[in-house]
Each structure stands twice: as C-alpha cells, then as structure tokens.
C-alpha cells in the first residue's frame, strides 16, 4: 500500500517523472487509487499484473507519466 496526505501530490512530488526511467519488480501488480480520510491510499490489485497492462503500455504508474517503465527482477 502507498499512502499520502491530502493536499500533497504524492511520492513523486517535485520530480519530472517524464524524464525518469522507472524500474519495478516483475511481480508488480496494477495499483488502484482511492481517497481516505485526510489523504489517499493506493492498493495492489492482486489479480492483475502491471506488466503488459494498459497502464504499463501507457507508461503510467500511480497516476504519474514516466519516460519508460520496465518490470524486472
């Protein structure tokens, strides 16, 4: 799970993610976002692999666009 506070953009705040080549685990699952009281929480969808998903093909992770995303070990 990835948590954040309300009013903050998240773990990549201040980063130019479109310039970042992100490397994730080969076991990474698609992350579903949701609001919680005072913030947000991303949780993994254990039924759907991130690699090859629409999000991966679009180079999006946690609603951030990246230059590239590789799912490796």
PDB file of N, CA and C in Angstrom:
ATOM      1  N   UNK A   1       0.833  -1.174   0.000  1.00  0.00           N
ATOM      2  CA  UNK A   1       0.000   0.000   0.000  1.00  0.00           C
ATOM      3  C   UNK A   1       0.880   1.241   0.000  1.00  0.00           C
ATOM      4  N   UNK A   2       0.418   2.259  -0.707  1.00  0.00           N
ATOM      5  CA  UNK A   2       1.120   3.537  -0.753  1.00  0.00           C
ATOM      6  C   UNK A   2       0.159   4.593  -0.238  1.00  0.00           C
ATOM      7  N   UNK A   3       0.553   5.281   0.829  1.00  0.00           N
ATOM      8  CA  UNK A   3      -0.297   6.294   1.440  1.00  0.00           C
ATOM      9  C   UNK A   3       0.258   7.682   1.164  1.00  0.00           C
ATOM     10  N   UNK A   4      -0.615   8.673   1.184  1.00  0.00           N
ATOM     11  CA  UNK A   4      -0.208  10.063   1.058  1.00  0.00           C
ATOM     12  C   UNK A   4      -1.177  10.952   1.802  1.00  0.00           C
ATOM     13  N   UNK A   5      -0.747  12.193   2.027  1.00  0.00           N
ATOM     14  CA  UNK A   5      -1.570  13.153   2.751  1.00  0.00           C
ATOM     15  C   UNK A   5      -2.355  14.015   1.781  1.00  0.00           C
ATOM     16  N   UNK A   6      -3.519  14.450   2.207  1.00  0.00           N
ATOM     17  CA  UNK A   6      -4.343  15.343   1.398  1.00  0.00           C
ATOM     18  C   UNK A   6      -3.565  16.623   1.128  1.00  0.00           C
ATOM     19  N   UNK A   7      -3.698  17.146  -0.082  1.00  0.00           N
ATOM     20  CA  UNK A   7      -3.020  18.385  -0.443  1.00  0.00           C
ATOM     21  C   UNK A   7      -1.608  18.190  -0.956  1.00  0.00           C
ATOM     22  N   UNK A   8      -1.097  16.977  -0.902  1.00  0.00           N
ATOM     23  CA  UNK A   8       0.228  16.678  -1.440  1.00  0.00           C
ATOM     24  C   UNK A   8       0.047  15.810  -2.668  1.00  0.00           C
ATOM     25  N   UNK A   9       0.962  15.950  -3.602  1.00  0.00           N
ATOM     26  CA  UNK A   9       0.812  15.247  -4.874  1.00  0.00           C
ATOM     27  C   UNK A   9       1.266  13.797  -4.823  1.00  0.00           C
ATOM     28  N   UNK A  10       1.993  13.402  -3.826  1.00  0.00           N
ATOM     29  CA  UNK A  10       2.380  12.006  -3.727  1.00  0.00           C
ATOM     30  C   UNK A  10       3.874  11.787  -3.662  1.00  0.00           C
ATOM     31  N   UNK A  11       4.289  10.539  -3.819  1.00  0.00           N
ATOM     32  CA  UNK A  11       5.685  10.177  -3.594  1.00  0.00           C
ATOM     33  C   UNK A  11       6.634  10.725  -4.646  1.00  0.00           C
ATOM     34  N   UNK A  12       6.125  11.129  -5.803  1.00  0.00           N
ATOM     35  CA  UNK A  12       6.982  11.682  -6.847  1.00  0.00           C
ATOM     36  C   UNK A  12       6.833  13.202  -6.956  1.00  0.00           C
ATOM     37  N   UNK A  13       6.255  13.839  -5.944  1.00  0.00           N
ATOM     38  CA  UNK A  13       6.065  15.288  -5.969  1.00  0.00           C
ATOM     39  C   UNK A  13       7.415  15.984  -6.158  1.00  0.00           C
ATOM     40  N   UNK A  14       7.449  16.938  -7.073  1.00  0.00           N
ATOM     41  CA  UNK A  14       8.671  17.686  -7.344  1.00  0.00           C
ATOM     42  C   UNK A  14       9.590  17.019  -8.356  1.00  0.00           C
ATOM     43  N   UNK A  15       9.251  15.821  -8.800  1.00  0.00           N
ATOM     44  CA  UNK A  15      10.072  15.103  -9.782  1.00  0.00           C
ATOM     45  C   UNK A  15       9.482  15.297 -11.179  1.00  0.00           C
ATOM     46  N   UNK A  16      10.357  15.408 -12.167  1.00  0.00           N
ATOM     47  CA  UNK A  16       9.918  15.432 -13.564  1.00  0.00           C
ATOM     48  C   UNK A  16       9.858  13.982 -14.029  1.00  0.00           C
ATOM     49  N   UNK A  17       8.754  13.310 -13.716  1.00  0.00           N
ATOM     50  CA  UNK A  17       8.658  11.875 -13.984  1.00  0.00           C
ATOM     51  C   UNK A  17       8.739  11.547 -15.468  1.00  0.00           C
ATOM     52  N   UNK A  18       8.419  12.501 -16.329  1.00  0.00           N
ATOM     53  CA  UNK A  18       8.523  12.241 -17.774  1.00  0.00           C
ATOM     54  C   UNK A  18       9.977  12.102 -18.213  1.00  0.00           C
ATOM     55  N   UNK A  19      10.920  12.414 -17.300  1.00  0.00           N
ATOM     56  CA  UNK A  19      12.347  12.244 -17.574  1.00  0.00           C
ATOM     57  C   UNK A  19      12.930  11.030 -16.857  1.00  0.00           C
ATOM     58  N   UNK A  20      12.087  10.252 -16.190  1.00  0.00           N
ATOM     59  CA  UNK A  20      12.549   9.135 -15.371  1.00  0.00           C
ATOM     60  C   UNK A  20      12.237   7.801 -16.043  1.00  0.00           C
ATOM     61  N   UNK A  21      13.234   6.911 -16.069  1.00  0.00           N
ATOM     62  CA  UNK A  21      13.055   5.523 -16.492  1.00  0.00           C
ATOM     63  C   UNK A  21      12.834   4.719 -15.208  1.00  0.00           C
ATOM     64  N   UNK A  22      11.596   4.350 -14.939  1.00  0.00           N
ATOM     65  CA  UNK A  22      11.224   3.667 -13.706  1.00  0.00           C
ATOM     66  C   UNK A  22      11.388   2.161 -13.866  1.00  0.00           C
ATOM     67  N   UNK A  23      11.981   1.523 -12.865  1.00  0.00           N
ATOM     68  CA  UNK A  23      12.125   0.067 -12.864  1.00  0.00           C
ATOM     69  C   UNK A  23      11.333  -0.482 -11.691  1.00  0.00           C
ATOM     70  N   UNK A  24      10.392  -1.364 -11.999  1.00  0.00           N
ATOM     71  CA  UNK A  24       9.550  -2.006 -10.994  1.00  0.00           C
ATOM     72  C   UNK A  24       9.840  -3.501 -10.965  1.00  0.00           C
ATOM     73  N   UNK A  25       9.413  -4.141  -9.910  1.00  0.00           N
ATOM     74  CA  UNK A  25       9.546  -5.584  -9.787  1.00  0.00           C
ATOM     75  C   UNK A  25       8.737  -6.285 -10.877  1.00  0.00           C
ATOM     76  N   UNK A  26       9.221  -7.424 -11.330  1.00  0.00           N
ATOM     77  CA  UNK A  26       8.480  -8.215 -12.312  1.00  0.00           C
ATOM     78  C   UNK A  26       7.157  -8.695 -11.724  1.00  0.00           C
ATOM     79  N   UNK A  27       7.031  -8.672 -10.405  1.00  0.00           N
ATOM     80  CA  UNK A  27       5.825  -9.111  -9.714  1.00  0.00           C
ATOM     81  C   UNK A  27       4.858  -7.964  -9.412  1.00  0.00           C
ATOM     82  N   UNK A  28       5.168  -6.749  -9.892  1.00  0.00           N
ATOM     83  CA  UNK A  28       4.325  -5.584  -9.611  1.00  0.00           C
ATOM     84  C   UNK A  28       2.909  -5.811 -10.123  1.00  0.00           C
ATOM     85  N   UNK A  29       1.938  -5.445  -9.327  1.00  0.00           N
ATOM     86  CA  UNK A  29       0.527  -5.533  -9.693  1.00  0.00           C
ATOM     87  C   UNK A  29       0.014  -4.147 -10.045  1.00  0.00           C
ATOM     88  N   UNK A  30      -1.101  -4.088 -10.756  1.00  0.00           N
ATOM     89  CA  UNK A  30      -1.759  -2.823 -11.058  1.00  0.00           C
ATOM     90  C   UNK A  30      -2.177  -2.204  -9.731  1.00  0.00           C
ATOM     91  N   UNK A  31      -1.981  -0.895  -9.592  1.00  0.00           N
ATOM     92  CA  UNK A  31      -2.324  -0.182  -8.368  1.00  0.00           C
ATOM     93  C   UNK A  31      -3.635   0.574  -8.557  1.00  0.00           C
ATOM     94  N   UNK A  32      -4.547   0.404  -7.608  1.00  0.00           N
ATOM     95  CA  UNK A  32      -5.825   1.101  -7.623  1.00  0.00           C
ATOM     96  C   UNK A  32      -5.796   2.197  -6.568  1.00  0.00           C
ATOM     97  N   UNK A  33      -6.113   3.416  -6.992  1.00  0.00           N
ATOM     98  CA  UNK A  33      -6.097   4.540  -6.067  1.00  0.00           C
ATOM     99  C   UNK A  33      -7.450   4.785  -5.443  1.00  0.00           C
ATOM    100  N   UNK A  34      -7.423   5.380  -4.295  1.00  0.00           N
ATOM    101  CA  UNK A  34      -8.655   5.727  -3.617  1.00  0.00           C
ATOM    102  C   UNK A  34      -8.390   6.756  -2.542  1.00  0.00           C
ATOM    103  N   UNK A  35      -9.386   7.549  -2.262  1.00  0.00           N
ATOM    104  CA  UNK A  35      -9.253   8.569  -1.234  1.00  0.00           C
ATOM    105  C   UNK A  35      -9.580   7.972   0.128  1.00  0.00           C
ATOM    106  N   UNK A  36      -8.852   8.414   1.127  1.00  0.00           N
ATOM    107  CA  UNK A  36      -9.128   8.050   2.505  1.00  0.00           C
ATOM    108  C   UNK A  36      -9.317   9.349   3.276  1.00  0.00           C
ATOM    109  N   UNK A  37      -9.700   9.250   4.505  1.00  0.00           N
ATOM    110  CA  UNK A  37      -9.880  10.460   5.301  1.00  0.00           C
ATOM    111  C   UNK A  37      -8.543  11.182   5.448  1.00  0.00           C
ATOM    112  N   UNK A  38      -8.459  12.386   4.895  1.00  0.00           N
ATOM    113  CA  UNK A  38      -7.239  13.186   5.002  1.00  0.00           C
ATOM    114  C   UNK A  38      -6.141  12.795   4.033  1.00  0.00           C
ATOM    115  N   UNK A  39      -6.431  11.938   3.055  1.00  0.00           N
ATOM    116  CA  UNK A  39      -5.369  11.551   2.137  1.00  0.00           C
ATOM    117  C   UNK A  39      -5.823  10.580   1.076  1.00  0.00           C
ATOM    118  N   UNK A  40      -4.908   9.742   0.658  1.00  0.00           N
ATOM    119  CA  UNK A  40      -5.197   8.750  -0.363  1.00  0.00           C
ATOM    120  C   UNK A  40      -4.426   7.485  -0.061  1.00  0.00           C
ATOM    121  N   UNK A  41      -4.841   6.402  -0.671  1.00  0.00           N
ATOM    122  CA  UNK A  41      -4.171   5.122  -0.489  1.00  0.00           C
ATOM    123  C   UNK A  41      -4.245   4.339  -1.790  1.00  0.00           C
ATOM    124  N   UNK A  42      -3.095   3.930  -2.302  1.00  0.00           N
ATOM    125  CA  UNK A  42      -3.029   3.063  -3.473  1.00  0.00           C
ATOM    126  C   UNK A  42      -2.850   1.639  -2.983  1.00  0.00           C
ATOM    127  N   UNK A  43      -3.639   0.715  -3.521  1.00  0.00           N
ATOM    128  CA  UNK A  43      -3.509  -0.696  -3.149  1.00  0.00           C
ATOM    129  C   UNK A  43      -3.341  -1.544  -4.405  1.00  0.00           C
ATOM    130  N   UNK A  44      -2.638  -2.639  -4.245  1.00  0.00           N
ATOM    131  CA  UNK A  44      -2.377  -3.532  -5.375  1.00  0.00           C
ATOM    132  C   UNK A  44      -3.596  -4.395  -5.679  1.00  0.00           C
ATOM    133  N   UNK A  45      -3.895  -4.538  -6.962  1.00  0.00           N
ATOM    134  CA  UNK A  45      -4.935  -5.465  -7.425  1.00  0.00           C
ATOM    135  C   UNK A  45      -4.237  -6.800  -7.645  1.00  0.00           C
ATOM    136  N   UNK A  46      -4.380  -7.708  -6.692  1.00  0.00           N
ATOM    137  CA  UNK A  46      -3.612  -8.959  -6.737  1.00  0.00           C
ATOM    138  C   UNK A  46      -3.985  -9.857  -7.905  1.00  0.00           C
ATOM    139  N   UNK A  47      -5.051  -9.506  -8.624  1.00  0.00           N
ATOM    140  CA  UNK A  47      -5.487 -10.341  -9.748  1.00  0.00           C
ATOM    141  C   UNK A  47      -4.948  -9.847 -11.091  1.00  0.00           C
ATOM    142  N   UNK A  48      -4.281  -8.677 -11.111  1.00  0.00           N
ATOM    143  CA  UNK A  48      -3.889  -8.098 -12.389  1.00  0.00           C
ATOM    144  C   UNK A  48      -2.417  -7.661 -12.379  1.00  0.00           C
ATOM    145  N   UNK A  49      -1.613  -8.311 -13.214  1.00  0.00           N
ATOM    146  CA  UNK A  49      -0.204  -7.933 -13.339  1.00  0.00           C
ATOM    147  C   UNK A  49      -0.075  -6.563 -13.997  1.00  0.00           C
ATOM    148  N   UNK A  50       0.885  -5.779 -13.502  1.00  0.00           N
ATOM    149  CA  UNK A  50       1.135  -4.467 -14.087  1.00  0.00           C
ATOM    150  C   UNK A  50       1.792  -4.617 -15.465  1.00  0.00           C
ATOM    151  N   UNK A  51       2.750  -5.525 -15.584  1.00  0.00           N
ATOM    152  CA  UNK A  51       3.462  -5.736 -16.844  1.00  0.00           C
ATOM    153  C   UNK A  51       2.475  -6.115 -17.945  1.00  0.00           C
ATOM    154  N   UNK A  52       2.476  -5.335 -19.021  1.00  0.00           N
ATOM    155  CA  UNK A  52       1.598  -5.592 -20.145  1.00  0.00           C
ATOM    156  C   UNK A  52       0.213  -4.986 -20.006  1.00  0.00           C
ATOM    157  N   UNK A  53      -0.074  -4.359 -18.860  1.00  0.00           N
ATOM    158  CA  UNK A  53      -1.388  -3.743 -18.644  1.00  0.00           C
ATOM    159  C   UNK A  53      -1.495  -2.435 -19.441  1.00  0.00           C
ATOM    160  N   UNK A  54      -2.693  -1.896 -19.529  1.00  0.00           N
ATOM    161  CA  UNK A  54      -2.887  -0.615 -20.205  1.00  0.00           C
ATOM    162  C   UNK A  54      -2.045   0.482 -19.560  1.00  0.00           C
ATOM    163  N   UNK A  55      -1.954   0.472 -18.228  1.00  0.00           N
ATOM    164  CA  UNK A  55      -1.153   1.465 -17.522  1.00  0.00           C
ATOM    165  C   UNK A  55       0.316   1.341 -17.912  1.00  0.00           C
ATOM    166  N   UNK A  56       0.815   0.115 -17.961  1.00  0.00           N
ATOM    167  CA  UNK A  56       2.212  -0.109 -18.316  1.00  0.00           C
ATOM    168  C   UNK A  56       2.474   0.337 -19.756  1.00  0.00           C
ATOM    169  N   UNK A  57       1.586  -0.035 -20.657  1.00  0.00           N
ATOM    170  CA  UNK A  57       1.756   0.349 -22.057  1.00  0.00           C
ATOM    171  C   UNK A  57       1.688   1.859 -22.244  1.00  0.00           C
ATOM    172  N   UNK A  58       0.971   2.540 -21.357  1.00  0.00           N
ATOM    173  CA  UNK A  58       0.875   3.998 -21.414  1.00  0.00           C
ATOM    174  C   UNK A  58       1.942   4.687 -20.576  1.00  0.00           C
ATOM    175  N   UNK A  59       2.814   3.905 -19.952  1.00  0.00           N
ATOM    176  CA  UNK A  59       3.902   4.420 -19.109  1.00  0.00           C
ATOM    177  C   UNK A  59       3.385   5.243 -17.930  1.00  0.00           C
ATOM    178  N   UNK A  60       2.314   4.741 -17.279  1.00  0.00           N
ATOM    179  CA  UNK A  60       1.718   5.416 -16.128  1.00  0.00           C
ATOM    180  C   UNK A  60       1.826   4.513 -14.899  1.00  0.00           C
ATOM    181  N   UNK A  61       2.258   5.106 -13.785  1.00  0.00           N
ATOM    182  CA  UNK A  61       2.301   4.395 -12.507  1.00  0.00           C
ATOM    183  C   UNK A  61       1.907   5.373 -11.422  1.00  0.00           C
ATOM    184  N   UNK A  62       0.921   5.008 -10.600  1.00  0.00           N
ATOM    185  CA  UNK A  62       0.388   5.872  -9.540  1.00  0.00           C
ATOM    186  C   UNK A  62      -0.040   7.233 -10.085  1.00  0.00           C
ATOM    187  N   UNK A  63      -0.607   7.217 -11.282  1.00  0.00           N
ATOM    188  CA  UNK A  63      -1.092   8.419 -11.988  1.00  0.00           C
ATOM    189  C   UNK A  63       0.015   9.358 -12.440  1.00  0.00           C
ATOM    190  N   UNK A  64       1.250   8.909 -12.475  1.00  0.00           N
ATOM    191  CA  UNK A  64       2.370   9.703 -12.994  1.00  0.00           C
ATOM    192  C   UNK A  64       2.796   9.123 -14.336  1.00  0.00           C
ATOM    193  N   UNK A  65       3.114   9.999 -15.287  1.00  0.00           N
ATOM    194  CA  UNK A  65       3.631   9.577 -16.588  1.00  0.00           C
ATOM    195  C   UNK A  65       5.150   9.518 -16.515  1.00  0.00           C
ATOM    196  N   UNK A  66       5.736   8.411 -16.965  1.00  0.00           N
ATOM    197  CA  UNK A  66       7.183   8.225 -16.947  1.00  0.00           C
ATOM    198  C   UNK A  66       7.718   8.114 -18.370  1.00  0.00           C
ATOM    199  N   UNK A  67       9.015   8.363 -18.516  1.00  0.00           N
ATOM    200  CA  UNK A  67       9.656   8.208 -19.826  1.00  0.00           C
ATOM    201  C   UNK A  67       9.563   6.761 -20.261  1.00  0.00           C
ATOM    202  N   UNK A  68       9.853   5.856 -19.334  1.00  0.00           N
ATOM    203  CA  UNK A  68       9.703   4.419 -19.607  1.00  0.00           C
ATOM    204  C   UNK A  68       9.480   3.710 -18.270  1.00  0.00           C
ATOM    205  N   UNK A  69       8.868   2.537 -18.361  1.00  0.00           N
ATOM    206  CA  UNK A  69       8.678   1.699 -17.176  1.00  0.00           C
ATOM    207  C   UNK A  69       9.036   0.269 -17.556  1.00  0.00           C
ATOM    208  N   UNK A  70       9.977  -0.295 -16.811  1.00  0.00           N
ATOM    209  CA  UNK A  70      10.418  -1.655 -17.042  1.00  0.00           C
ATOM    210  C   UNK A  70      10.050  -2.489 -15.824  1.00  0.00           C
ATOM    211  N   UNK A  71       9.493  -3.654 -16.047  1.00  0.00           N
ATOM    212  CA  UNK A  71       9.205  -4.590 -14.956  1.00  0.00           C
ATOM    213  C   UNK A  71      10.279  -5.669 -15.015  1.00  0.00           C
ATOM    214  N   UNK A  72      11.153  -5.663 -14.034  1.00  0.00           N
ATOM    215  CA  UNK A  72      12.307  -6.543 -13.988  1.00  0.00           C
ATOM    216  C   UNK A  72      12.365  -7.175 -12.605  1.00  0.00           C
ATOM    217  N   UNK A  73      13.407  -7.906 -12.324  1.00  0.00           N
ATOM    218  CA  UNK A  73      13.520  -8.559 -11.015  1.00  0.00           C
ATOM    219  C   UNK A  73      14.101  -7.659  -9.989  1.00  0.00           C
TER     220      UNK A  73
END
